[in-house]
C-alpha cells in the first residue's frame, strides 16, 4: 500500500497571497489521518498554514510550491 502524501507547510503571508482560505480546512490540532480517512481520501494534498490545515487537492500547484 502506497504511503499518503505528507503535509507540507506555507507561511501565513504566502497563504494569503495564494488565497488559501477558500479551500476546505480543519484545525491543526485535528487528526490528519482521521480527516483523510473520513473526508478527503488517502491521496489528499494537505498544506499547513498558520493554525489550519487546508485540502488543496483541486490546486496541486499550491501543494507543489509548499515546503
PDB file of N, CA and C in Angstrom:
ATOM      1  N   UNK A   1       0.840  -1.181   0.000  1.00  0.00           N
ATOM      2  CA  UNK A   1       0.000   0.000   0.000  1.00  0.00           C
ATOM      3  C   UNK A   1       0.888   1.249   0.000  1.00  0.00           C
ATOM      4  N   UNK A   2       0.582   2.182  -0.873  1.00  0.00           N
ATOM      5  CA  UNK A   2       1.382   3.393  -1.007  1.00  0.00           C
ATOM      6  C   UNK A   2       1.137   4.335   0.167  1.00  0.00           C
ATOM      7  N   UNK A   3       2.180   5.008   0.547  1.00  0.00           N
ATOM      8  CA  UNK A   3       2.091   5.987   1.622  1.00  0.00           C
ATOM      9  C   UNK A   3       1.374   7.239   1.133  1.00  0.00           C
ATOM     10  N   UNK A   4       0.534   7.859   1.965  1.00  0.00           N
ATOM     11  CA  UNK A   4      -0.133   9.101   1.544  1.00  0.00           C
ATOM     12  C   UNK A   4       0.871  10.241   1.449  1.00  0.00           C
ATOM     13  N   UNK A   5       0.570  11.248   0.640  1.00  0.00           N
ATOM     14  CA  UNK A   5       1.469  12.407   0.559  1.00  0.00           C
ATOM     15  C   UNK A   5       1.584  13.087   1.920  1.00  0.00           C
ATOM     16  N   UNK A   6       2.750  13.619   2.214  1.00  0.00           N
ATOM     17  CA  UNK A   6       2.943  14.264   3.504  1.00  0.00           C
ATOM     18  C   UNK A   6       2.279  15.644   3.531  1.00  0.00           C
ATOM     19  N   UNK A   7       2.089  16.172   4.708  1.00  0.00           N
ATOM     20  CA  UNK A   7       1.534  17.509   4.879  1.00  0.00           C
ATOM     21  C   UNK A   7       2.682  18.492   4.740  1.00  0.00           C
ATOM     22  N   UNK A   8       2.548  19.441   3.821  1.00  0.00           N
ATOM     23  CA  UNK A   8       3.577  20.462   3.628  1.00  0.00           C
ATOM     24  C   UNK A   8       3.158  21.743   4.328  1.00  0.00           C
ATOM     25  N   UNK A   9       4.068  22.722   4.401  1.00  0.00           N
ATOM     26  CA  UNK A   9       3.798  23.970   5.118  1.00  0.00           C
ATOM     27  C   UNK A   9       3.962  25.188   4.226  1.00  0.00           C
ATOM     28  N   UNK A  10       3.146  26.193   4.515  1.00  0.00           N
ATOM     29  CA  UNK A  10       3.251  27.505   3.878  1.00  0.00           C
ATOM     30  C   UNK A  10       3.290  28.558   4.977  1.00  0.00           C
ATOM     31  N   UNK A  11       3.972  29.657   4.718  1.00  0.00           N
ATOM     32  CA  UNK A  11       3.910  30.780   5.652  1.00  0.00           C
ATOM     33  C   UNK A  11       2.533  31.426   5.523  1.00  0.00           C
ATOM     34  N   UNK A  12       2.125  32.131   6.551  1.00  0.00           N
ATOM     35  CA  UNK A  12       0.832  32.817   6.519  1.00  0.00           C
ATOM     36  C   UNK A  12       0.804  33.830   5.384  1.00  0.00           C
ATOM     37  N   UNK A  13       1.904  34.521   5.195  1.00  0.00           N
ATOM     38  CA  UNK A  13       1.978  35.533   4.133  1.00  0.00           C
ATOM     39  C   UNK A  13       1.798  34.892   2.750  1.00  0.00           C
ATOM     40  N   UNK A  14       2.447  33.760   2.536  1.00  0.00           N
ATOM     41  CA  UNK A  14       2.316  33.046   1.261  1.00  0.00           C
ATOM     42  C   UNK A  14       0.891  32.512   1.090  1.00  0.00           C
ATOM     43  N   UNK A  15       0.295  32.020   2.179  1.00  0.00           N
ATOM     44  CA  UNK A  15      -1.085  31.540   2.133  1.00  0.00           C
ATOM     45  C   UNK A  15      -2.061  32.640   1.759  1.00  0.00           C
ATOM     46  N   UNK A  16      -1.856  33.831   2.302  1.00  0.00           N
ATOM     47  CA  UNK A  16      -2.707  34.970   1.949  1.00  0.00           C
ATOM     48  C   UNK A  16      -2.550  35.330   0.481  1.00  0.00           C
ATOM     49  N   UNK A  17      -1.328  35.291  -0.016  1.00  0.00           N
ATOM     50  CA  UNK A  17      -1.073  35.612  -1.420  1.00  0.00           C
ATOM     51  C   UNK A  17      -1.771  34.613  -2.350  1.00  0.00           C
ATOM     52  N   UNK A  18      -1.810  33.351  -1.937  1.00  0.00           N
ATOM     53  CA  UNK A  18      -2.429  32.301  -2.748  1.00  0.00           C
ATOM     54  C   UNK A  18      -3.929  32.158  -2.493  1.00  0.00           C
ATOM     55  N   UNK A  19      -4.471  32.989  -1.590  1.00  0.00           N
ATOM     56  CA  UNK A  19      -5.891  32.947  -1.249  1.00  0.00           C
ATOM     57  C   UNK A  19      -6.303  31.557  -0.765  1.00  0.00           C
ATOM     58  N   UNK A  20      -5.494  31.002   0.139  1.00  0.00           N
ATOM     59  CA  UNK A  20      -5.688  29.625   0.602  1.00  0.00           C
ATOM     60  C   UNK A  20      -6.944  29.465   1.464  1.00  0.00           C
ATOM     61  N   UNK A  21      -7.474  30.552   2.001  1.00  0.00           N
ATOM     62  CA  UNK A  21      -8.637  30.432   2.887  1.00  0.00           C
ATOM     63  C   UNK A  21      -9.917  30.007   2.170  1.00  0.00           C
ATOM     64  N   UNK A  22      -9.899  29.913   0.847  1.00  0.00           N
ATOM     65  CA  UNK A  22     -11.083  29.456   0.114  1.00  0.00           C
ATOM     66  C   UNK A  22     -11.148  27.930   0.009  1.00  0.00           C
ATOM     67  N   UNK A  23     -10.137  27.229   0.509  1.00  0.00           N
ATOM     68  CA  UNK A  23     -10.104  25.768   0.450  1.00  0.00           C
ATOM     69  C   UNK A  23     -10.662  25.164   1.736  1.00  0.00           C
ATOM     70  N   UNK A  24     -11.191  23.919   1.663  1.00  0.00           N
ATOM     71  CA  UNK A  24     -11.664  23.246   2.880  1.00  0.00           C
ATOM     72  C   UNK A  24     -10.516  23.105   3.877  1.00  0.00           C
ATOM     73  N   UNK A  25     -10.829  23.276   5.169  1.00  0.00           N
ATOM     74  CA  UNK A  25      -9.760  23.232   6.167  1.00  0.00           C
ATOM     75  C   UNK A  25     -10.243  22.655   7.482  1.00  0.00           C
ATOM     76  N   UNK A  26      -9.283  22.350   8.343  1.00  0.00           N
ATOM     77  CA  UNK A  26      -9.555  21.938   9.709  1.00  0.00           C
ATOM     78  C   UNK A  26      -8.418  22.419  10.584  1.00  0.00           C
ATOM     79  N   UNK A  27      -8.675  22.491  11.896  1.00  0.00           N
ATOM     80  CA  UNK A  27      -7.693  22.998  12.845  1.00  0.00           C
ATOM     81  C   UNK A  27      -6.463  22.092  12.890  1.00  0.00           C
ATOM     82  N   UNK A  28      -5.302  22.677  13.094  1.00  0.00           N
ATOM     83  CA  UNK A  28      -4.058  21.900  13.101  1.00  0.00           C
ATOM     84  C   UNK A  28      -4.005  20.875  14.222  1.00  0.00           C
ATOM     85  N   UNK A  29      -4.847  21.036  15.257  1.00  0.00           N
ATOM     86  CA  UNK A  29      -4.880  20.055  16.337  1.00  0.00           C
ATOM     87  C   UNK A  29      -5.722  18.832  15.961  1.00  0.00           C
ATOM     88  N   UNK A  30      -6.411  18.890  14.823  1.00  0.00           N
ATOM     89  CA  UNK A  30      -7.220  17.762  14.364  1.00  0.00           C
ATOM     90  C   UNK A  30      -6.346  16.638  13.821  1.00  0.00           C
ATOM     91  N   UNK A  31      -6.949  15.509  13.604  1.00  0.00           N
ATOM     92  CA  UNK A  31      -6.236  14.332  13.136  1.00  0.00           C
ATOM     93  C   UNK A  31      -6.155  14.306  11.613  1.00  0.00           C
ATOM     94  N   UNK A  32      -4.948  14.397  11.082  1.00  0.00           N
ATOM     95  CA  UNK A  32      -4.744  14.326   9.636  1.00  0.00           C
ATOM     96  C   UNK A  32      -5.190  12.959   9.120  1.00  0.00           C
ATOM     97  N   UNK A  33      -4.827  11.911   9.829  1.00  0.00           N
ATOM     98  CA  UNK A  33      -5.198  10.556   9.419  1.00  0.00           C
ATOM     99  C   UNK A  33      -6.715  10.412   9.411  1.00  0.00           C
ATOM    100  N   UNK A  34      -7.374  10.915  10.441  1.00  0.00           N
ATOM    101  CA  UNK A  34      -8.828  10.832  10.527  1.00  0.00           C
ATOM    102  C   UNK A  34      -9.523  11.612   9.429  1.00  0.00           C
ATOM    103  N   UNK A  35      -9.050  12.811   9.141  1.00  0.00           N
ATOM    104  CA  UNK A  35      -9.672  13.626   8.092  1.00  0.00           C
ATOM    105  C   UNK A  35      -9.487  12.983   6.724  1.00  0.00           C
ATOM    106  N   UNK A  36      -8.319  12.398   6.491  1.00  0.00           N
ATOM    107  CA  UNK A  36      -8.108  11.696   5.226  1.00  0.00           C
ATOM    108  C   UNK A  36      -9.041  10.494   5.127  1.00  0.00           C
ATOM    109  N   UNK A  37      -9.135   9.757   6.210  1.00  0.00           N
ATOM    110  CA  UNK A  37      -9.932   8.533   6.221  1.00  0.00           C
ATOM    111  C   UNK A  37     -11.428   8.831   6.059  1.00  0.00           C
ATOM    112  N   UNK A  38     -11.926   9.845   6.760  1.00  0.00           N
ATOM    113  CA  UNK A  38     -13.359  10.118   6.765  1.00  0.00           C
ATOM    114  C   UNK A  38     -13.840  11.047   5.651  1.00  0.00           C
ATOM    115  N   UNK A  39     -13.004  11.994   5.215  1.00  0.00           N
ATOM    116  CA  UNK A  39     -13.498  13.035   4.315  1.00  0.00           C
ATOM    117  C   UNK A  39     -12.727  13.200   3.002  1.00  0.00           C
ATOM    118  N   UNK A  40     -11.407  13.303   3.082  1.00  0.00           N
ATOM    119  CA  UNK A  40     -10.635  13.737   1.925  1.00  0.00           C
ATOM    120  C   UNK A  40     -10.065  12.624   1.072  1.00  0.00           C
ATOM    121  N   UNK A  41      -9.878  11.463   1.598  1.00  0.00           N
ATOM    122  CA  UNK A  41      -9.243  10.374   0.858  1.00  0.00           C
ATOM    123  C   UNK A  41      -7.754  10.329   1.145  1.00  0.00           C
ATOM    124  N   UNK A  42      -7.166   9.175   0.936  1.00  0.00           N
ATOM    125  CA  UNK A  42      -5.766   8.948   1.289  1.00  0.00           C
ATOM    126  C   UNK A  42      -4.790   9.760   0.439  1.00  0.00           C
ATOM    127  N   UNK A  43      -5.182  10.168  -0.744  1.00  0.00           N
ATOM    128  CA  UNK A  43      -4.274  10.901  -1.624  1.00  0.00           C
ATOM    129  C   UNK A  43      -4.478  12.412  -1.589  1.00  0.00           C
ATOM    130  N   UNK A  44      -5.194  12.910  -0.582  1.00  0.00           N
ATOM    131  CA  UNK A  44      -5.438  14.348  -0.465  1.00  0.00           C
ATOM    132  C   UNK A  44      -4.124  15.100  -0.294  1.00  0.00           C
ATOM    133  N   UNK A  45      -4.041  16.246  -0.922  1.00  0.00           N
ATOM    134  CA  UNK A  45      -2.864  17.112  -0.811  1.00  0.00           C
ATOM    135  C   UNK A  45      -3.164  18.154   0.268  1.00  0.00           C
ATOM    136  N   UNK A  46      -2.507  18.022   1.411  1.00  0.00           N
ATOM    137  CA  UNK A  46      -2.770  18.878   2.565  1.00  0.00           C
ATOM    138  C   UNK A  46      -1.599  19.815   2.829  1.00  0.00           C
ATOM    139  N   UNK A  47      -1.950  21.072   3.151  1.00  0.00           N
ATOM    140  CA  UNK A  47      -0.943  22.106   3.412  1.00  0.00           C
ATOM    141  C   UNK A  47      -1.280  22.780   4.733  1.00  0.00           C
ATOM    142  N   UNK A  48      -0.306  22.861   5.632  1.00  0.00           N
ATOM    143  CA  UNK A  48      -0.471  23.563   6.910  1.00  0.00           C
ATOM    144  C   UNK A  48      -0.083  25.024   6.705  1.00  0.00           C
ATOM    145  N   UNK A  49      -0.990  25.913   7.127  1.00  0.00           N
ATOM    146  CA  UNK A  49      -0.735  27.348   7.030  1.00  0.00           C
ATOM    147  C   UNK A  49      -1.340  28.007   8.256  1.00  0.00           C
ATOM    148  N   UNK A  50      -0.502  28.574   9.103  1.00  0.00           N
ATOM    149  CA  UNK A  50      -0.996  29.171  10.339  1.00  0.00           C
ATOM    150  C   UNK A  50      -1.571  28.105  11.252  1.00  0.00           C
ATOM    151  N   UNK A  51      -2.798  28.310  11.722  1.00  0.00           N
ATOM    152  CA  UNK A  51      -3.441  27.389  12.660  1.00  0.00           C
ATOM    153  C   UNK A  51      -4.338  26.362  11.975  1.00  0.00           C
ATOM    154  N   UNK A  52      -4.286  26.271  10.660  1.00  0.00           N
ATOM    155  CA  UNK A  52      -5.177  25.370   9.946  1.00  0.00           C
ATOM    156  C   UNK A  52      -4.424  24.503   8.947  1.00  0.00           C
ATOM    157  N   UNK A  53      -5.055  23.411   8.587  1.00  0.00           N
ATOM    158  CA  UNK A  53      -4.552  22.528   7.538  1.00  0.00           C
ATOM    159  C   UNK A  53      -5.584  22.554   6.422  1.00  0.00           C
ATOM    160  N   UNK A  54      -5.143  22.853   5.220  1.00  0.00           N
ATOM    161  CA  UNK A  54      -6.035  23.033   4.077  1.00  0.00           C
ATOM    162  C   UNK A  54      -5.893  21.885   3.095  1.00  0.00           C
ATOM    163  N   UNK A  55      -7.013  21.492   2.489  1.00  0.00           N
ATOM    164  CA  UNK A  55      -7.022  20.485   1.437  1.00  0.00           C
ATOM    165  C   UNK A  55      -6.940  21.225   0.099  1.00  0.00           C
ATOM    166  N   UNK A  56      -5.775  21.181  -0.541  1.00  0.00           N
ATOM    167  CA  UNK A  56      -5.568  21.902  -1.799  1.00  0.00           C
ATOM    168  C   UNK A  56      -5.507  20.943  -2.985  1.00  0.00           C
ATOM    169  N   UNK A  57      -6.182  19.812  -2.888  1.00  0.00           N
ATOM    170  CA  UNK A  57      -6.150  18.808  -3.952  1.00  0.00           C
ATOM    171  C   UNK A  57      -6.641  19.348  -5.293  1.00  0.00           C
ATOM    172  N   UNK A  58      -7.555  20.315  -5.265  1.00  0.00           N
ATOM    173  CA  UNK A  58      -8.066  20.882  -6.515  1.00  0.00           C
ATOM    174  C   UNK A  58      -7.061  21.822  -7.179  1.00  0.00           C
ATOM    175  N   UNK A  59      -6.022  22.236  -6.452  1.00  0.00           N
ATOM    176  CA  UNK A  59      -4.965  23.118  -6.978  1.00  0.00           C
ATOM    177  C   UNK A  59      -3.604  22.529  -6.600  1.00  0.00           C
ATOM    178  N   UNK A  60      -3.176  21.441  -7.249  1.00  0.00           N
ATOM    179  CA  UNK A  60      -1.921  20.774  -6.851  1.00  0.00           C
ATOM    180  C   UNK A  60      -0.681  21.652  -6.947  1.00  0.00           C
ATOM    181  N   UNK A  61      -0.734  22.722  -7.737  1.00  0.00           N
ATOM    182  CA  UNK A  61       0.445  23.597  -7.820  1.00  0.00           C
ATOM    183  C   UNK A  61       0.728  24.288  -6.494  1.00  0.00           C
ATOM    184  N   UNK A  62      -0.298  24.528  -5.673  1.00  0.00           N
ATOM    185  CA  UNK A  62      -0.075  25.098  -4.345  1.00  0.00           C
ATOM    186  C   UNK A  62       0.699  24.092  -3.486  1.00  0.00           C
ATOM    187  N   UNK A  63       0.281  22.833  -3.523  1.00  0.00           N
ATOM    188  CA  UNK A  63       0.978  21.794  -2.753  1.00  0.00           C
ATOM    189  C   UNK A  63       2.415  21.666  -3.231  1.00  0.00           C
ATOM    190  N   UNK A  64       2.635  21.684  -4.535  1.00  0.00           N
ATOM    191  CA  UNK A  64       3.975  21.520  -5.088  1.00  0.00           C
ATOM    192  C   UNK A  64       4.880  22.701  -4.775  1.00  0.00           C
ATOM    193  N   UNK A  65       4.330  23.881  -4.558  1.00  0.00           N
ATOM    194  CA  UNK A  65       5.144  25.055  -4.253  1.00  0.00           C
ATOM    195  C   UNK A  65       5.478  25.150  -2.763  1.00  0.00           C
ATOM    196  N   UNK A  66       4.766  24.407  -1.916  1.00  0.00           N
ATOM    197  CA  UNK A  66       4.989  24.449  -0.468  1.00  0.00           C
ATOM    198  C   UNK A  66       6.229  23.642  -0.103  1.00  0.00           C
ATOM    199  N   UNK A  67       6.764  23.919   1.083  1.00  0.00           N
ATOM    200  CA  UNK A  67       7.964  23.222   1.569  1.00  0.00           C
ATOM    201  C   UNK A  67       7.580  21.963   2.307  1.00  0.00           C
TER     202      UNK A  67
END
